[in-house]
């Protein structure tokens, strides 16, 4: 499995028991399906599949997981603080103006006043407000805050996002 074919699930934050159970902090508003059979763990820049023996929700943003391959504290220590991933095809489909950040990469960015102003390169979600990074025809990056009030339409078939941006934002 390649990393570009997956999405980030979360990080293994601690051990839960001496039997090898771990706690995984998932990186989404909604918990992933509790019916997961395999989770990929990044070890030395490779995604390694681990079979899920038992999984349950623990508190609000943690999953308690028992892997087939991890049966004691020592083996749990080896995967501590590691990032985890799931295949993209396991993401639930979203409707309407809802989207996953990876889905909009390559979409045309269009302002209702200005017109098309570039192609979405990536989304920076490491800030308090996610920011869409749009590359214009002059190879300059335009940063657009991902605010619900700015987004007018998302057309997945035509791969375009239409915005009503504040005056001057595109020219910054």
Protein backbone atom coordinates (compact mmCIF):
# COMPACT_ATOMS: atom_id res chain seq x y z
CA UNK A 1 0.00 0.00 0.00
CA UNK A 2 1.32 3.42 -0.96
CA UNK A 3 0.84 6.49 1.21
CA UNK A 4 -0.79 8.46 -1.64
CA UNK A 5 -3.50 5.76 -1.80
CA UNK A 6 -4.35 6.30 1.87
CA UNK A 7 -5.62 8.91 4.23
CA UNK A 8 -4.26 9.80 7.64
CA UNK A 9 -6.25 8.07 10.38
CA UNK A 10 -4.38 9.28 13.47
CA UNK A 11 -1.50 8.64 15.82
CA UNK A 12 -0.86 5.91 18.37
CA UNK A 13 -0.56 7.94 21.56
CA UNK A 14 -0.14 5.38 24.34
CA UNK A 15 -0.30 1.82 25.54
CA UNK A 16 -3.51 0.75 27.23
CA UNK A 17 -2.58 -2.55 28.83
CA UNK A 18 0.29 -4.95 29.37
CA UNK A 19 -1.35 -7.25 26.77
CA UNK A 20 -0.38 -4.97 23.89
CA UNK A 21 -3.52 -2.87 23.54
CA UNK A 22 -2.92 0.69 22.35
CA UNK A 23 -4.81 3.97 22.19
CA UNK A 24 -5.04 5.71 18.83
CA UNK A 25 -6.07 9.38 18.65
CA UNK A 26 -8.03 9.69 15.41
CA UNK A 27 -7.81 12.85 13.34
CA UNK A 28 -11.43 13.54 12.39
CA UNK A 29 -14.65 14.87 13.81
CA UNK A 30 -16.36 11.49 13.45
CA UNK A 31 -14.86 8.23 14.71
CA UNK A 32 -13.88 5.78 11.97
CA UNK A 33 -15.86 2.60 11.52
CA UNK A 34 -15.45 0.19 14.41
CA UNK A 35 -15.54 -2.62 11.84
CA UNK A 36 -11.97 -2.04 10.65
CA UNK A 37 -10.04 -5.21 9.87
CA UNK A 38 -6.65 -3.72 8.92
CA UNK A 39 -4.84 -0.51 9.83
CA UNK A 40 -1.61 0.57 8.16
CA UNK A 41 1.13 1.86 10.46
CA UNK A 42 4.02 3.92 9.08
CA UNK A 43 7.26 2.25 10.15
CA UNK A 44 10.53 3.49 8.66
CA UNK A 45 8.70 5.30 5.81
CA UNK A 46 6.74 2.17 4.81
CA UNK A 47 3.10 1.37 5.48
CA UNK A 48 2.88 -1.93 7.33
CA UNK A 49 -0.53 -3.65 7.63
CA UNK A 50 -1.67 -4.68 11.13
CA UNK A 51 -4.73 -6.90 11.59
CA UNK A 52 -7.30 -5.58 14.04
CA UNK A 53 -8.32 -8.21 16.58
CA UNK A 54 -10.51 -5.92 18.68
CA UNK A 55 -11.43 -2.25 18.44
CA UNK A 56 -13.66 0.05 20.49
CA UNK A 57 -14.26 3.74 21.05
CA UNK A 58 -12.45 5.01 24.15
CA UNK A 59 -13.57 8.42 25.37
CA UNK A 60 -14.36 10.95 22.62
CA UNK A 61 -11.38 10.93 20.26
CA UNK A 62 -9.55 7.71 21.03
CA UNK A 63 -9.79 4.17 19.74
CA UNK A 64 -8.68 1.29 21.92
CA UNK A 65 -7.15 -1.31 19.59
CA UNK A 66 -5.78 -4.80 20.01
CA UNK A 67 -3.75 -5.92 16.99
CA UNK A 68 -3.14 -9.59 16.13
CA UNK A 69 0.60 -8.89 15.81
CA UNK A 70 0.99 -6.99 19.10
CA UNK A 71 0.63 -9.11 22.23
CA UNK A 72 2.82 -7.51 24.88
CA UNK A 73 4.19 -4.19 26.11
CA UNK A 74 7.47 -4.55 24.20
CA UNK A 75 5.80 -4.98 20.82
CA UNK A 76 3.38 -2.14 21.68
CA UNK A 77 6.39 0.10 22.42
CA UNK A 78 7.61 -0.44 18.84
CA UNK A 79 4.49 1.19 17.37
CA UNK A 80 4.08 3.94 19.96
CA UNK A 81 3.87 7.47 18.49
CA UNK A 82 3.52 6.04 14.96
CA UNK A 83 1.11 7.48 12.39
CA UNK A 84 -1.69 5.29 11.04
CA UNK A 85 -3.48 5.22 7.70
CA UNK A 86 -6.45 3.65 5.94
CA UNK A 87 -7.07 3.15 2.20
CA UNK A 88 -8.90 6.03 0.50
CA UNK A 89 -11.63 3.64 -0.67
CA UNK A 90 -12.71 3.24 2.98
CA UNK A 91 -13.72 6.90 3.27
CA UNK A 92 -17.50 7.37 3.34
CA UNK A 93 -18.87 9.35 0.37
CA UNK A 94 -19.82 12.95 1.16
CA UNK A 95 -22.71 14.81 -0.46
CA UNK A 96 -23.41 18.42 -1.36
CA UNK A 97 -20.74 21.01 -0.53
CA UNK A 98 -18.94 18.59 1.83
CA UNK A 99 -15.54 17.25 0.77
CA UNK A 100 -12.30 15.75 1.96
CA UNK A 101 -9.26 17.97 1.51
CA UNK A 102 -7.48 15.51 -0.77
CA UNK A 103 -10.51 15.47 -3.12
CA UNK A 104 -10.24 19.13 -4.15
CA UNK A 105 -6.57 19.09 -5.18
CA UNK A 106 -6.52 19.89 -8.90
CA UNK A 107 -9.91 21.65 -8.86
CA UNK A 108 -10.32 25.03 -10.57
CA UNK A 109 -10.79 27.90 -8.11
CA UNK A 110 -13.32 30.44 -9.36
CA UNK A 111 -14.49 33.70 -7.79
CA UNK A 112 -17.95 34.91 -8.87
CA UNK A 113 -16.61 38.44 -9.50
CA UNK A 114 -13.01 37.77 -10.64
CA UNK A 115 -13.52 34.49 -12.54
CA UNK A 116 -11.08 31.58 -12.55
CA UNK A 117 -7.99 32.46 -10.52
CA UNK A 118 -6.03 29.20 -10.37
CA UNK A 119 -5.81 25.51 -9.55
CA UNK A 120 -5.96 24.16 -6.01
CA UNK A 121 -2.53 22.74 -5.12
CA UNK A 122 -3.18 21.63 -1.54
CA UNK A 123 -4.97 22.42 1.69
CA UNK A 124 -3.03 23.54 4.74
CA UNK A 125 -4.97 22.26 7.72
CA UNK A 126 -2.18 22.84 10.24
CA UNK A 127 -3.49 26.32 11.03
CA UNK A 128 -6.47 27.29 13.19
CA UNK A 129 -8.44 27.93 9.98
CA UNK A 130 -7.74 25.58 7.00
CA UNK A 131 -6.30 27.43 4.01
CA UNK A 132 -6.63 26.42 0.36
CA UNK A 133 -3.39 26.98 -1.55
CA UNK A 134 -4.24 28.02 -5.14
CA UNK A 135 -1.56 28.37 -7.84
CA UNK A 136 -2.40 31.05 -10.41
CA UNK A 137 -1.25 31.31 -14.05
CA UNK A 138 1.89 33.21 -12.92
CA UNK A 139 2.88 30.33 -10.54
CA UNK A 140 2.07 32.49 -7.52
CA UNK A 141 0.26 30.94 -4.55
CA UNK A 142 -2.99 32.56 -3.46
CA UNK A 143 -4.10 31.58 0.04
CA UNK A 144 -7.85 31.29 0.49
CA UNK A 145 -9.24 30.72 3.99
CA UNK A 146 -11.64 27.79 3.95
CA UNK A 147 -14.69 29.59 5.33
CA UNK A 148 -18.20 28.25 4.72
CA UNK A 149 -19.43 31.76 3.90
CA UNK A 150 -16.90 32.06 1.04
CA UNK A 151 -17.80 28.77 -0.66
CA UNK A 152 -20.77 29.16 -3.02
CA UNK A 153 -20.62 25.88 -4.96
CA UNK A 154 -18.61 22.68 -5.13
CA UNK A 155 -18.92 20.75 -8.38
CA UNK A 156 -17.08 17.43 -8.10
CA UNK A 157 -17.98 16.31 -11.64
CA UNK A 158 -16.56 19.46 -13.24
CA UNK A 159 -13.76 19.72 -10.64
CA UNK A 160 -14.37 23.31 -9.66
CA UNK A 161 -15.02 25.36 -6.54
CA UNK A 162 -16.85 28.65 -6.79
CA UNK A 163 -16.24 31.29 -4.15
CA UNK A 164 -17.49 34.75 -3.23
CA UNK A 165 -14.25 36.13 -1.82
CA UNK A 166 -13.69 39.49 -0.12
CA UNK A 167 -12.54 42.18 -2.49
CA UNK A 168 -8.76 42.25 -2.92
CA UNK A 169 -8.05 38.78 -1.47
CA UNK A 170 -7.03 37.36 -4.87
CA UNK A 171 -4.65 40.28 -5.52
CA UNK A 172 -2.71 39.94 -2.25
